[in-house]
């Protein structure tokens, strides 16, 4: 079963909600909360709140392990919500 939030702007960190409007900041265009976001990559570490840079390395703040931003985060939530 596919999650209804999959690829929606409201689940993408590049979509900004301000005063009732949604804007895809990466693409520089207005959109809607239910609109498709072309930059949404489910599970990628770059979408994780726990990703931190330290000493020239990218680390998972939750586990302390080195992470590659395009890898799938071990704390991945398929709904797109960043709960960590």
C-alpha atoms as a PDB file:
ATOM      1  CA  UNK A   1       0.000   0.000   0.000  1.00  0.00           C
ATOM      2  CA  UNK A   2       1.430   3.385  -0.996  1.00  0.00           C
ATOM      3  CA  UNK A   3       1.445   6.157   1.581  1.00  0.00           C
ATOM      4  CA  UNK A   4      -0.838   9.018   0.505  1.00  0.00           C
ATOM      5  CA  UNK A   5       1.889  11.551   1.411  1.00  0.00           C
ATOM      6  CA  UNK A   6       4.434  10.068  -1.007  1.00  0.00           C
ATOM      7  CA  UNK A   7       6.149  12.801  -3.074  1.00  0.00           C
ATOM      8  CA  UNK A   8       3.847  15.518  -1.755  1.00  0.00           C
ATOM      9  CA  UNK A   9       5.214  18.976  -1.159  1.00  0.00           C
ATOM     10  CA  UNK A  10       4.184  18.889   2.494  1.00  0.00           C
ATOM     11  CA  UNK A  11       6.658  16.040   3.084  1.00  0.00           C
ATOM     12  CA  UNK A  12       9.599  17.642   1.265  1.00  0.00           C
ATOM     13  CA  UNK A  13      12.101  19.824   3.093  1.00  0.00           C
ATOM     14  CA  UNK A  14      12.422  22.065   0.029  1.00  0.00           C
ATOM     15  CA  UNK A  15       8.765  23.136   0.243  1.00  0.00           C
ATOM     16  CA  UNK A  16       8.115  26.167   2.395  1.00  0.00           C
ATOM     17  CA  UNK A  17       4.707  27.109   3.757  1.00  0.00           C
ATOM     18  CA  UNK A  18       4.147  30.804   4.408  1.00  0.00           C
ATOM     19  CA  UNK A  19       0.899  32.731   4.850  1.00  0.00           C
ATOM     20  CA  UNK A  20      -1.234  30.085   3.164  1.00  0.00           C
ATOM     21  CA  UNK A  21       1.084  29.625   0.176  1.00  0.00           C
ATOM     22  CA  UNK A  22       3.464  26.773  -0.629  1.00  0.00           C
ATOM     23  CA  UNK A  23       6.707  27.383  -2.526  1.00  0.00           C
ATOM     24  CA  UNK A  24       9.222  24.804  -3.752  1.00  0.00           C
ATOM     25  CA  UNK A  25      12.431  26.652  -2.863  1.00  0.00           C
ATOM     26  CA  UNK A  26      14.680  24.343  -4.902  1.00  0.00           C
ATOM     27  CA  UNK A  27      12.687  24.871  -8.071  1.00  0.00           C
ATOM     28  CA  UNK A  28      11.632  28.454  -7.296  1.00  0.00           C
ATOM     29  CA  UNK A  29       7.977  27.911  -8.109  1.00  0.00           C
ATOM     30  CA  UNK A  30       4.691  28.096  -6.243  1.00  0.00           C
ATOM     31  CA  UNK A  31       2.974  24.786  -5.587  1.00  0.00           C
ATOM     32  CA  UNK A  32       0.368  23.205  -3.313  1.00  0.00           C
ATOM     33  CA  UNK A  33       0.703  21.071  -0.202  1.00  0.00           C
ATOM     34  CA  UNK A  34      -0.625  18.083  -2.149  1.00  0.00           C
ATOM     35  CA  UNK A  35       1.404  18.879  -5.249  1.00  0.00           C
ATOM     36  CA  UNK A  36       4.236  16.673  -6.418  1.00  0.00           C
ATOM     37  CA  UNK A  37       7.706  17.776  -5.412  1.00  0.00           C
ATOM     38  CA  UNK A  38      10.373  16.866  -7.944  1.00  0.00           C
ATOM     39  CA  UNK A  39      13.124  17.114  -5.330  1.00  0.00           C
ATOM     40  CA  UNK A  40      11.515  14.706  -2.855  1.00  0.00           C
ATOM     41  CA  UNK A  41      13.790  11.700  -2.408  1.00  0.00           C
ATOM     42  CA  UNK A  42      12.339   9.334   0.148  1.00  0.00           C
ATOM     43  CA  UNK A  43      14.726   8.073   2.758  1.00  0.00           C
ATOM     44  CA  UNK A  44      17.778  10.057   1.676  1.00  0.00           C
ATOM     45  CA  UNK A  45      19.992  11.171   4.540  1.00  0.00           C
ATOM     46  CA  UNK A  46      19.891  14.794   3.372  1.00  0.00           C
ATOM     47  CA  UNK A  47      16.237  14.880   4.468  1.00  0.00           C
ATOM     48  CA  UNK A  48      17.046  13.699   7.988  1.00  0.00           C
ATOM     49  CA  UNK A  49      16.951  16.207  10.879  1.00  0.00           C
ATOM     50  CA  UNK A  50      19.811  14.324  12.549  1.00  0.00           C
ATOM     51  CA  UNK A  51      22.342  14.931   9.764  1.00  0.00           C
ATOM     52  CA  UNK A  52      25.225  17.134  10.974  1.00  0.00           C
ATOM     53  CA  UNK A  53      28.565  18.289   9.621  1.00  0.00           C
ATOM     54  CA  UNK A  54      31.566  17.941  11.878  1.00  0.00           C
ATOM     55  CA  UNK A  55      35.253  18.261  11.056  1.00  0.00           C
ATOM     56  CA  UNK A  56      34.621  18.044   7.314  1.00  0.00           C
ATOM     57  CA  UNK A  57      32.563  14.867   7.704  1.00  0.00           C
ATOM     58  CA  UNK A  58      28.830  14.298   7.508  1.00  0.00           C
ATOM     59  CA  UNK A  59      27.528  12.405  10.510  1.00  0.00           C
ATOM     60  CA  UNK A  60      24.234  11.001  11.692  1.00  0.00           C
ATOM     61  CA  UNK A  61      23.579  12.940  14.892  1.00  0.00           C
ATOM     62  CA  UNK A  62      21.471  10.102  16.273  1.00  0.00           C
ATOM     63  CA  UNK A  63      23.965   7.257  15.779  1.00  0.00           C
ATOM     64  CA  UNK A  64      27.272   9.154  15.464  1.00  0.00           C
ATOM     65  CA  UNK A  65      28.124   7.175  12.326  1.00  0.00           C
ATOM     66  CA  UNK A  66      29.482   8.793   9.165  1.00  0.00           C
ATOM     67  CA  UNK A  67      26.741   9.214   6.553  1.00  0.00           C
ATOM     68  CA  UNK A  68      26.566   9.869   2.830  1.00  0.00           C
ATOM     69  CA  UNK A  69      23.801  12.363   2.023  1.00  0.00           C
ATOM     70  CA  UNK A  70      22.357  10.300  -0.822  1.00  0.00           C
ATOM     71  CA  UNK A  71      22.260   7.061   1.175  1.00  0.00           C
ATOM     72  CA  UNK A  72      19.030   5.879   2.768  1.00  0.00           C
ATOM     73  CA  UNK A  73      18.843   6.984   6.388  1.00  0.00           C
ATOM     74  CA  UNK A  74      18.549   4.126   8.875  1.00  0.00           C
ATOM     75  CA  UNK A  75      15.919   6.204  10.711  1.00  0.00           C
ATOM     76  CA  UNK A  76      13.853   6.621   7.529  1.00  0.00           C
ATOM     77  CA  UNK A  77      10.143   7.162   8.056  1.00  0.00           C
ATOM     78  CA  UNK A  78       8.261   6.251   4.832  1.00  0.00           C
ATOM     79  CA  UNK A  79       5.612   8.894   5.499  1.00  0.00           C
ATOM     80  CA  UNK A  80       8.218  11.586   4.929  1.00  0.00           C
ATOM     81  CA  UNK A  81       7.828  13.041   8.380  1.00  0.00           C
ATOM     82  CA  UNK A  82      11.099  13.875  10.061  1.00  0.00           C
ATOM     83  CA  UNK A  83      10.450  12.576  13.562  1.00  0.00           C
ATOM     84  CA  UNK A  84      14.005  12.281  14.868  1.00  0.00           C
END
